[in-house]
Amino acid sequence: MKKDKSFCSGCRDNFYNGQGASECWSYRSAKTATRYRINWWTAPTEPGAFTKVKTFTCHKAPGKYAHYDELPSFAINPRNMKEENSVSK
């Protein structure tokens, strides 16, 4: 899969992709991965709290959502999301 900066959308460091600098310092080493997102103020034991997304391993959005590399064992009824560049939704 070719790297696409659309995976940077919503990331705190996306500012550095052509706006504040020429490129985010994490972009060159970024790897695409399936991760599990949870909204910042959602209880992790709540049914459907986690959403499966495809994003970069360096993606971070404190105050919006967090990512887990693996679905936690306590997750109940995780929602599935289409594999699309939708990390900021």
PDB file of N, CA and C in Angstrom:
ATOM      1  N   MET A   1       0.848  -1.183   0.000  1.00  0.00           N
ATOM      2  CA  MET A   1       0.000   0.000   0.000  1.00  0.00           C
ATOM      3  C   MET A   1       0.894   1.247   0.000  1.00  0.00           C
ATOM      4  N   LYS A   2       0.602   2.165  -0.887  1.00  0.00           N
ATOM      5  CA  LYS A   2       1.363   3.403  -0.976  1.00  0.00           C
ATOM      6  C   LYS A   2       0.979   4.329   0.181  1.00  0.00           C
ATOM      7  N   LYS A   3       1.969   5.020   0.721  1.00  0.00           N
ATOM      8  CA  LYS A   3       1.701   5.973   1.803  1.00  0.00           C
ATOM      9  C   LYS A   3       0.847   7.123   1.295  1.00  0.00           C
ATOM     10  N   ASP A   4      -0.038   7.557   2.144  1.00  0.00           N
ATOM     11  CA  ASP A   4      -0.966   8.619   1.788  1.00  0.00           C
ATOM     12  C   ASP A   4      -1.104   9.549   2.990  1.00  0.00           C
ATOM     13  N   LYS A   5      -0.860  10.825   2.794  1.00  0.00           N
ATOM     14  CA  LYS A   5      -0.930  11.776   3.911  1.00  0.00           C
ATOM     15  C   LYS A   5      -2.354  12.001   4.410  1.00  0.00           C
ATOM     16  N   SER A   6      -3.334  11.436   3.733  1.00  0.00           N
ATOM     17  CA  SER A   6      -4.703  11.567   4.247  1.00  0.00           C
ATOM     18  C   SER A   6      -4.832  10.826   5.584  1.00  0.00           C
ATOM     19  N   PHE A   7      -3.964   9.838   5.841  1.00  0.00           N
ATOM     20  CA  PHE A   7      -3.956   9.172   7.143  1.00  0.00           C
ATOM     21  C   PHE A   7      -3.499  10.117   8.244  1.00  0.00           C
ATOM     22  N   CYS A   8      -2.886  11.227   7.883  1.00  0.00           N
ATOM     23  CA  CYS A   8      -2.428  12.227   8.854  1.00  0.00           C
ATOM     24  C   CYS A   8      -3.579  13.119   9.346  1.00  0.00           C
ATOM     25  N   SER A   9      -4.683  13.112   8.647  1.00  0.00           N
ATOM     26  CA  SER A   9      -5.817  13.955   8.996  1.00  0.00           C
ATOM     27  C   SER A   9      -6.265  13.684  10.430  1.00  0.00           C
ATOM     28  N   GLY A  10      -6.394  14.730  11.216  1.00  0.00           N
ATOM     29  CA  GLY A  10      -6.821  14.609  12.604  1.00  0.00           C
ATOM     30  C   GLY A  10      -5.685  14.435  13.585  1.00  0.00           C
ATOM     31  N   CYS A  11      -4.495  14.144  13.090  1.00  0.00           N
ATOM     32  CA  CYS A  11      -3.346  13.967  13.972  1.00  0.00           C
ATOM     33  C   CYS A  11      -2.847  15.326  14.463  1.00  0.00           C
ATOM     34  N   ARG A  12      -2.393  15.355  15.693  1.00  0.00           N
ATOM     35  CA  ARG A  12      -1.871  16.597  16.264  1.00  0.00           C
ATOM     36  C   ARG A  12      -0.714  17.151  15.435  1.00  0.00           C
ATOM     37  N   ASP A  13       0.101  16.294  14.848  1.00  0.00           N
ATOM     38  CA  ASP A  13       1.270  16.739  14.104  1.00  0.00           C
ATOM     39  C   ASP A  13       1.012  16.984  12.619  1.00  0.00           C
ATOM     40  N   ASN A  14      -0.233  16.866  12.165  1.00  0.00           N
ATOM     41  CA  ASN A  14      -0.538  17.103  10.754  1.00  0.00           C
ATOM     42  C   ASN A  14      -0.229  18.546  10.351  1.00  0.00           C
ATOM     43  N   PHE A  15      -0.151  19.443  11.305  1.00  0.00           N
ATOM     44  CA  PHE A  15       0.195  20.837  11.057  1.00  0.00           C
ATOM     45  C   PHE A  15       1.510  20.940  10.288  1.00  0.00           C
ATOM     46  N   TYR A  16       2.405  20.008  10.519  1.00  0.00           N
ATOM     47  CA  TYR A  16       3.737  20.058   9.914  1.00  0.00           C
ATOM     48  C   TYR A  16       3.773  19.544   8.476  1.00  0.00           C
ATOM     49  N   ASN A  17       2.684  19.064   7.949  1.00  0.00           N
ATOM     50  CA  ASN A  17       2.638  18.582   6.570  1.00  0.00           C
ATOM     51  C   ASN A  17       2.274  19.718   5.620  1.00  0.00           C
ATOM     52  N   GLY A  18       3.235  20.576   5.366  1.00  0.00           N
ATOM     53  CA  GLY A  18       3.053  21.627   4.376  1.00  0.00           C
ATOM     54  C   GLY A  18       2.522  22.942   4.892  1.00  0.00           C
ATOM     55  N   GLN A  19       2.135  23.012   6.146  1.00  0.00           N
ATOM     56  CA  GLN A  19       1.622  24.267   6.681  1.00  0.00           C
ATOM     57  C   GLN A  19       2.672  24.931   7.564  1.00  0.00           C
ATOM     58  N   GLY A  20       3.110  24.251   8.602  1.00  0.00           N
ATOM     59  CA  GLY A  20       4.109  24.803   9.502  1.00  0.00           C
ATOM     60  C   GLY A  20       5.532  24.448   9.102  1.00  0.00           C
ATOM     61  N   ALA A  21       5.675  23.404   8.297  1.00  0.00           N
ATOM     62  CA  ALA A  21       6.985  22.945   7.804  1.00  0.00           C
ATOM     63  C   ALA A  21       6.725  22.163   6.523  1.00  0.00           C
ATOM     64  N   SER A  22       7.762  21.611   5.938  1.00  0.00           N
ATOM     65  CA  SER A  22       7.565  20.885   4.685  1.00  0.00           C
ATOM     66  C   SER A  22       6.949  19.506   4.897  1.00  0.00           C
ATOM     67  N   GLU A  23       7.260  18.874   6.054  1.00  0.00           N
ATOM     68  CA  GLU A  23       6.731  17.535   6.299  1.00  0.00           C
ATOM     69  C   GLU A  23       6.852  17.181   7.771  1.00  0.00           C
ATOM     70  N   CYS A  24       5.881  16.449   8.281  1.00  0.00           N
ATOM     71  CA  CYS A  24       5.923  15.961   9.660  1.00  0.00           C
ATOM     72  C   CYS A  24       7.140  15.054   9.815  1.00  0.00           C
ATOM     73  N   TRP A  25       7.842  15.166  10.937  1.00  0.00           N
ATOM     74  CA  TRP A  25       9.042  14.375  11.161  1.00  0.00           C
ATOM     75  C   TRP A  25       8.745  12.889  11.317  1.00  0.00           C
ATOM     76  N   SER A  26       7.509  12.520  11.575  1.00  0.00           N
ATOM     77  CA  SER A  26       7.149  11.110  11.725  1.00  0.00           C
ATOM     78  C   SER A  26       6.733  10.454  10.409  1.00  0.00           C
ATOM     79  N   TYR A  27       6.473  11.256   9.381  1.00  0.00           N
ATOM     80  CA  TYR A  27       5.897  10.720   8.145  1.00  0.00           C
ATOM     81  C   TYR A  27       6.785   9.669   7.472  1.00  0.00           C
ATOM     82  N   ARG A  28       8.061   9.905   7.374  1.00  0.00           N
ATOM     83  CA  ARG A  28       8.947   8.966   6.659  1.00  0.00           C
ATOM     84  C   ARG A  28       9.004   7.591   7.315  1.00  0.00           C
ATOM     85  N   SER A  29       8.919   7.530   8.617  1.00  0.00           N
ATOM     86  CA  SER A  29       8.981   6.244   9.310  1.00  0.00           C
ATOM     87  C   SER A  29       7.589   5.681   9.622  1.00  0.00           C
ATOM     88  N   ALA A  30       6.537   6.407   9.274  1.00  0.00           N
ATOM     89  CA  ALA A  30       5.170   5.969   9.584  1.00  0.00           C
ATOM     90  C   ALA A  30       4.816   4.695   8.821  1.00  0.00           C
ATOM     91  N   LYS A  31       4.156   3.793   9.505  1.00  0.00           N
ATOM     92  CA  LYS A  31       3.682   2.547   8.911  1.00  0.00           C
ATOM     93  C   LYS A  31       2.163   2.525   9.019  1.00  0.00           C
ATOM     94  N   THR A  32       1.510   1.986   8.004  1.00  0.00           N
ATOM     95  CA  THR A  32       0.058   1.841   8.031  1.00  0.00           C
ATOM     96  C   THR A  32      -0.289   0.603   8.851  1.00  0.00           C
ATOM     97  N   ALA A  33      -1.277   0.742   9.724  1.00  0.00           N
ATOM     98  CA  ALA A  33      -1.656  -0.379  10.584  1.00  0.00           C
ATOM     99  C   ALA A  33      -3.138  -0.312  10.915  1.00  0.00           C
ATOM    100  N   THR A  34      -3.693  -1.456  11.252  1.00  0.00           N
ATOM    101  CA  THR A  34      -5.055  -1.510  11.777  1.00  0.00           C
ATOM    102  C   THR A  34      -4.942  -1.284  13.279  1.00  0.00           C
ATOM    103  N   ARG A  35      -5.709  -0.307  13.754  1.00  0.00           N
ATOM    104  CA  ARG A  35      -5.690   0.024  15.178  1.00  0.00           C
ATOM    105  C   ARG A  35      -7.125   0.135  15.678  1.00  0.00           C
ATOM    106  N   TYR A  36      -7.283   0.238  16.972  1.00  0.00           N
ATOM    107  CA  TYR A  36      -8.603   0.331  17.588  1.00  0.00           C
ATOM    108  C   TYR A  36      -8.722   1.664  18.302  1.00  0.00           C
ATOM    109  N   ARG A  37      -9.651   2.488  17.818  1.00  0.00           N
ATOM    110  CA  ARG A  37      -9.823   3.852  18.323  1.00  0.00           C
ATOM    111  C   ARG A  37     -10.957   3.904  19.336  1.00  0.00           C
ATOM    112  N   ILE A  38     -10.752   4.729  20.348  1.00  0.00           N
ATOM    113  CA  ILE A  38     -11.795   4.994  21.336  1.00  0.00           C
ATOM    114  C   ILE A  38     -11.837   6.506  21.545  1.00  0.00           C
ATOM    115  N   ASN A  39     -13.029   7.060  21.568  1.00  0.00           N
ATOM    116  CA  ASN A  39     -13.165   8.498  21.811  1.00  0.00           C
ATOM    117  C   ASN A  39     -12.671   8.814  23.216  1.00  0.00           C
ATOM    118  N   TRP A  40     -12.119  10.002  23.364  1.00  0.00           N
ATOM    119  CA  TRP A  40     -11.411  10.397  24.577  1.00  0.00           C
ATOM    120  C   TRP A  40     -12.224  10.211  25.855  1.00  0.00           C
ATOM    121  N   TRP A  41     -13.499  10.557  25.843  1.00  0.00           N
ATOM    122  CA  TRP A  41     -14.314  10.512  27.060  1.00  0.00           C
ATOM    123  C   TRP A  41     -15.258   9.315  27.107  1.00  0.00           C
ATOM    124  N   THR A  42     -14.989   8.289  26.316  1.00  0.00           N
ATOM    125  CA  THR A  42     -15.826   7.090  26.306  1.00  0.00           C
ATOM    126  C   THR A  42     -15.263   6.066  27.281  1.00  0.00           C
ATOM    127  N   ALA A  43     -16.122   5.478  28.070  1.00  0.00           N
ATOM    128  CA  ALA A  43     -15.685   4.427  29.001  1.00  0.00           C
ATOM    129  C   ALA A  43     -15.290   3.196  28.191  1.00  0.00           C
ATOM    130  N   PRO A  44     -14.105   2.634  28.396  1.00  0.00           N
ATOM    131  CA  PRO A  44     -13.652   1.515  27.585  1.00  0.00           C
ATOM    132  C   PRO A  44     -14.462   0.233  27.751  1.00  0.00           C
ATOM    133  N   THR A  45     -15.239   0.126  28.812  1.00  0.00           N
ATOM    134  CA  THR A  45     -16.069  -1.059  29.018  1.00  0.00           C
ATOM    135  C   THR A  45     -17.454  -0.900  28.408  1.00  0.00           C
ATOM    136  N   GLU A  46     -17.752   0.258  27.841  1.00  0.00           N
ATOM    137  CA  GLU A  46     -19.048   0.525  27.208  1.00  0.00           C
ATOM    138  C   GLU A  46     -19.163  -0.300  25.915  1.00  0.00           C
ATOM    139  N   PRO A  47     -20.303  -0.956  25.667  1.00  0.00           N
ATOM    140  CA  PRO A  47     -20.454  -1.712  24.421  1.00  0.00           C
ATOM    141  C   PRO A  47     -20.256  -0.802  23.200  1.00  0.00           C
ATOM    142  N   GLY A  48     -19.498  -1.271  22.255  1.00  0.00           N
ATOM    143  CA  GLY A  48     -19.255  -0.503  21.035  1.00  0.00           C
ATOM    144  C   GLY A  48     -18.298   0.656  21.213  1.00  0.00           C
ATOM    145  N   ALA A  49     -17.513   0.666  22.280  1.00  0.00           N
ATOM    146  CA  ALA A  49     -16.620   1.793  22.567  1.00  0.00           C
ATOM    147  C   ALA A  49     -15.471   1.900  21.568  1.00  0.00           C
ATOM    148  N   PHE A  50     -15.042   0.775  20.998  1.00  0.00           N
ATOM    149  CA  PHE A  50     -13.883   0.764  20.107  1.00  0.00           C
ATOM    150  C   PHE A  50     -14.300   0.675  18.646  1.00  0.00           C
ATOM    151  N   THR A  51     -13.545   1.349  17.800  1.00  0.00           N
ATOM    152  CA  THR A  51     -13.783   1.333  16.361  1.00  0.00           C
ATOM    153  C   THR A  51     -12.504   0.896  15.665  1.00  0.00           C
ATOM    154  N   LYS A  52     -12.623  -0.073  14.777  1.00  0.00           N
ATOM    155  CA  LYS A  52     -11.477  -0.559  14.023  1.00  0.00           C
ATOM    156  C   LYS A  52     -11.187   0.415  12.885  1.00  0.00           C
ATOM    157  N   VAL A  53      -9.953   0.943  12.827  1.00  0.00           N
ATOM    158  CA  VAL A  53      -9.571   1.908  11.793  1.00  0.00           C
ATOM    159  C   VAL A  53      -8.212   1.547  11.207  1.00  0.00           C
ATOM    160  N   LYS A  54      -7.957   1.997  10.009  1.00  0.00           N
ATOM    161  CA  LYS A  54      -6.646   1.865   9.395  1.00  0.00           C
ATOM    162  C   LYS A  54      -6.026   3.253   9.427  1.00  0.00           C
ATOM    163  N   THR A  55      -4.845   3.361  10.025  1.00  0.00           N
ATOM    164  CA  THR A  55      -4.180   4.643  10.203  1.00  0.00           C
ATOM    165  C   THR A  55      -2.672   4.434  10.331  1.00  0.00           C
ATOM    166  N   PHE A  56      -1.927   5.497  10.522  1.00  0.00           N
ATOM    167  CA  PHE A  56      -0.490   5.385  10.746  1.00  0.00           C
ATOM    168  C   PHE A  56      -0.216   5.028  12.207  1.00  0.00           C
ATOM    169  N   THR A  57       0.880   4.331  12.430  1.00  0.00           N
ATOM    170  CA  THR A  57       1.265   3.941  13.791  1.00  0.00           C
ATOM    171  C   THR A  57       1.626   5.143  14.658  1.00  0.00           C
ATOM    172  N   CYS A  58       2.007   6.259  14.044  1.00  0.00           N
ATOM    173  CA  CYS A  58       2.393   7.451  14.800  1.00  0.00           C
ATOM    174  C   CYS A  58       1.213   8.395  15.075  1.00  0.00           C
ATOM    175  N   HIS A  59       0.031   8.086  14.551  1.00  0.00           N
ATOM    176  CA  HIS A  59      -1.127   8.983  14.655  1.00  0.00           C
ATOM    177  C   HIS A  59      -1.534   9.192  16.105  1.00  0.00           C
ATOM    178  N   LYS A  60      -1.685  10.467  16.486  1.00  0.00           N
ATOM    179  CA  LYS A  60      -2.119  10.795  17.843  1.00  0.00           C
ATOM    180  C   LYS A  60      -3.044  12.008  17.819  1.00  0.00           C
ATOM    181  N   ALA A  61      -4.056  11.953  18.657  1.00  0.00           N
ATOM    182  CA  ALA A  61      -5.029  13.042  18.717  1.00  0.00           C
ATOM    183  C   ALA A  61      -5.518  13.200  20.154  1.00  0.00           C
ATOM    184  N   PRO A  62      -4.628  13.625  21.059  1.00  0.00           N
ATOM    185  CA  PRO A  62      -5.045  13.769  22.457  1.00  0.00           C
ATOM    186  C   PRO A  62      -6.209  14.747  22.606  1.00  0.00           C
ATOM    187  N   GLY A  63      -7.145  14.384  23.447  1.00  0.00           N
ATOM    188  CA  GLY A  63      -8.332  15.207  23.642  1.00  0.00           C
ATOM    189  C   GLY A  63      -9.461  14.837  22.695  1.00  0.00           C
ATOM    190  N   LYS A  64      -9.163  14.068  21.648  1.00  0.00           N
ATOM    191  CA  LYS A  64     -10.186  13.607  20.699  1.00  0.00           C
ATOM    192  C   LYS A  64     -10.406  12.107  20.852  1.00  0.00           C
ATOM    193  N   TYR A  65      -9.339  11.326  20.635  1.00  0.00           N
ATOM    194  CA  TYR A  65      -9.427   9.876  20.750  1.00  0.00           C
ATOM    195  C   TYR A  65      -8.036   9.291  20.968  1.00  0.00           C
ATOM    196  N   ALA A  66      -8.017   8.033  21.378  1.00  0.00           N
ATOM    197  CA  ALA A  66      -6.775   7.288  21.595  1.00  0.00           C
ATOM    198  C   ALA A  66      -6.813   6.038  20.729  1.00  0.00           C
ATOM    199  N   HIS A  67      -5.637   5.491  20.440  1.00  0.00           N
ATOM    200  CA  HIS A  67      -5.541   4.270  19.638  1.00  0.00           C
ATOM    201  C   HIS A  67      -4.894   3.150  20.447  1.00  0.00           C
ATOM    202  N   TYR A  68      -5.395   1.959  20.242  1.00  0.00           N
ATOM    203  CA  TYR A  68      -4.790   0.749  20.793  1.00  0.00           C
ATOM    204  C   TYR A  68      -4.299  -0.071  19.613  1.00  0.00           C
ATOM    205  N   ASP A  69      -3.158  -0.730  19.768  1.00  0.00           N
ATOM    206  CA  ASP A  69      -2.650  -1.584  18.702  1.00  0.00           C
ATOM    207  C   ASP A  69      -3.432  -2.883  18.604  1.00  0.00           C
ATOM    208  N   GLU A  70      -3.958  -3.334  19.727  1.00  0.00           N
ATOM    209  CA  GLU A  70      -4.777  -4.548  19.762  1.00  0.00           C
ATOM    210  C   GLU A  70      -6.059  -4.245  20.520  1.00  0.00           C
ATOM    211  N   LEU A  71      -7.105  -4.942  20.145  1.00  0.00           N
ATOM    212  CA  LEU A  71      -8.382  -4.761  20.826  1.00  0.00           C
ATOM    213  C   LEU A  71      -8.258  -5.308  22.245  1.00  0.00           C
ATOM    214  N   PRO A  72      -8.530  -4.487  23.259  1.00  0.00           N
ATOM    215  CA  PRO A  72      -8.414  -4.960  24.643  1.00  0.00           C
ATOM    216  C   PRO A  72      -9.377  -6.113  24.918  1.00  0.00           C
ATOM    217  N   SER A  73      -8.976  -6.989  25.795  1.00  0.00           N
ATOM    218  CA  SER A  73      -9.786  -8.173  26.095  1.00  0.00           C
ATOM    219  C   SER A  73     -11.140  -7.814  26.708  1.00  0.00           C
ATOM    220  N   PHE A  74     -11.247  -6.645  27.324  1.00  0.00           N
ATOM    221  CA  PHE A  74     -12.504  -6.249  27.958  1.00  0.00           C
ATOM    222  C   PHE A  74     -13.462  -5.534  27.001  1.00  0.00           C
ATOM    223  N   ALA A  75     -13.057  -5.329  25.753  1.00  0.00           N
ATOM    224  CA  ALA A  75     -13.918  -4.625  24.790  1.00  0.00           C
ATOM    225  C   ALA A  75     -15.151  -5.471  24.482  1.00  0.00           C
ATOM    226  N   ILE A  76     -16.297  -4.817  24.487  1.00  0.00           N
ATOM    227  CA  ILE A  76     -17.563  -5.501  24.253  1.00  0.00           C
ATOM    228  C   ILE A  76     -18.166  -5.002  22.944  1.00  0.00           C
ATOM    229  N   ASN A  77     -18.545  -5.885  22.059  1.00  0.00           N
ATOM    230  CA  ASN A  77     -19.198  -5.539  20.792  1.00  0.00           C
ATOM    231  C   ASN A  77     -18.513  -4.401  20.042  1.00  0.00           C
ATOM    232  N   PRO A  78     -17.250  -4.560  19.655  1.00  0.00           N
ATOM    233  CA  PRO A  78     -16.589  -3.464  18.927  1.00  0.00           C
ATOM    234  C   PRO A  78     -17.257  -3.210  17.585  1.00  0.00           C
ATOM    235  N   ARG A  79     -17.335  -1.939  17.199  1.00  0.00           N
ATOM    236  CA  ARG A  79     -17.893  -1.570  15.909  1.00  0.00           C
ATOM    237  C   ARG A  79     -16.829  -1.767  14.849  1.00  0.00           C
ATOM    238  N   ASN A  80     -17.246  -2.169  13.662  1.00  0.00           N
ATOM    239  CA  ASN A  80     -16.321  -2.250  12.549  1.00  0.00           C
ATOM    240  C   ASN A  80     -16.512  -1.023  11.687  1.00  0.00           C
ATOM    241  N   MET A  81     -15.443  -0.547  11.124  1.00  0.00           N
ATOM    242  CA  MET A  81     -15.477   0.627  10.265  1.00  0.00           C
ATOM    243  C   MET A  81     -14.879   0.248   8.932  1.00  0.00           C
ATOM    244  N   LYS A  82     -15.399   0.814   7.864  1.00  0.00           N
ATOM    245  CA  LYS A  82     -14.814   0.547   6.562  1.00  0.00           C
ATOM    246  C   LYS A  82     -13.359   0.957   6.581  1.00  0.00           C
ATOM    247  N   GLU A  83     -12.533   0.227   5.859  1.00  0.00           N
ATOM    248  CA  GLU A  83     -11.127   0.577   5.773  1.00  0.00           C
ATOM    249  C   GLU A  83     -10.977   1.753   4.827  1.00  0.00           C
ATOM    250  N   GLU A  84     -11.030   2.925   5.414  1.00  0.00           N
ATOM    251  CA  GLU A  84     -10.891   4.155   4.640  1.00  0.00           C
ATOM    252  C   GLU A  84     -10.120   5.163   5.462  1.00  0.00           C
ATOM    253  N   ASN A  85      -9.736   6.235   4.844  1.00  0.00           N
ATOM    254  CA  ASN A  85      -8.973   7.275   5.537  1.00  0.00           C
ATOM    255  C   ASN A  85      -9.931   8.127   6.351  1.00  0.00           C
ATOM    256  N   SER A  86     -10.355   7.609   7.471  1.00  0.00           N
ATOM    257  CA  SER A  86     -11.378   8.302   8.249  1.00  0.00           C
ATOM    258  C   SER A  86     -10.942   8.517   9.688  1.00  0.00           C
ATOM    259  N   VAL A  87      -9.666   8.670   9.905  1.00  0.00           N
ATOM    260  CA  VAL A  87      -9.172   8.787  11.262  1.00  0.00           C
ATOM    261  C   VAL A  87      -9.629  10.016  11.999  1.00  0.00           C
ATOM    262  N   SER A  88     -10.053  11.066  11.303  1.00  0.00           N
ATOM    263  CA  SER A  88     -10.432  12.286  12.001  1.00  0.00           C
ATOM    264  C   SER A  88     -11.927  12.397  12.238  1.00  0.00           C
ATOM    265  N   LYS A  89     -12.709  11.453  11.800  1.00  0.00           N
ATOM    266  CA  LYS A  89     -14.168  11.545  11.951  1.00  0.00           C
ATOM    267  C   LYS A  89     -14.607  11.234  13.352  1.00  0.00           C
TER     268      LYS A  89
END
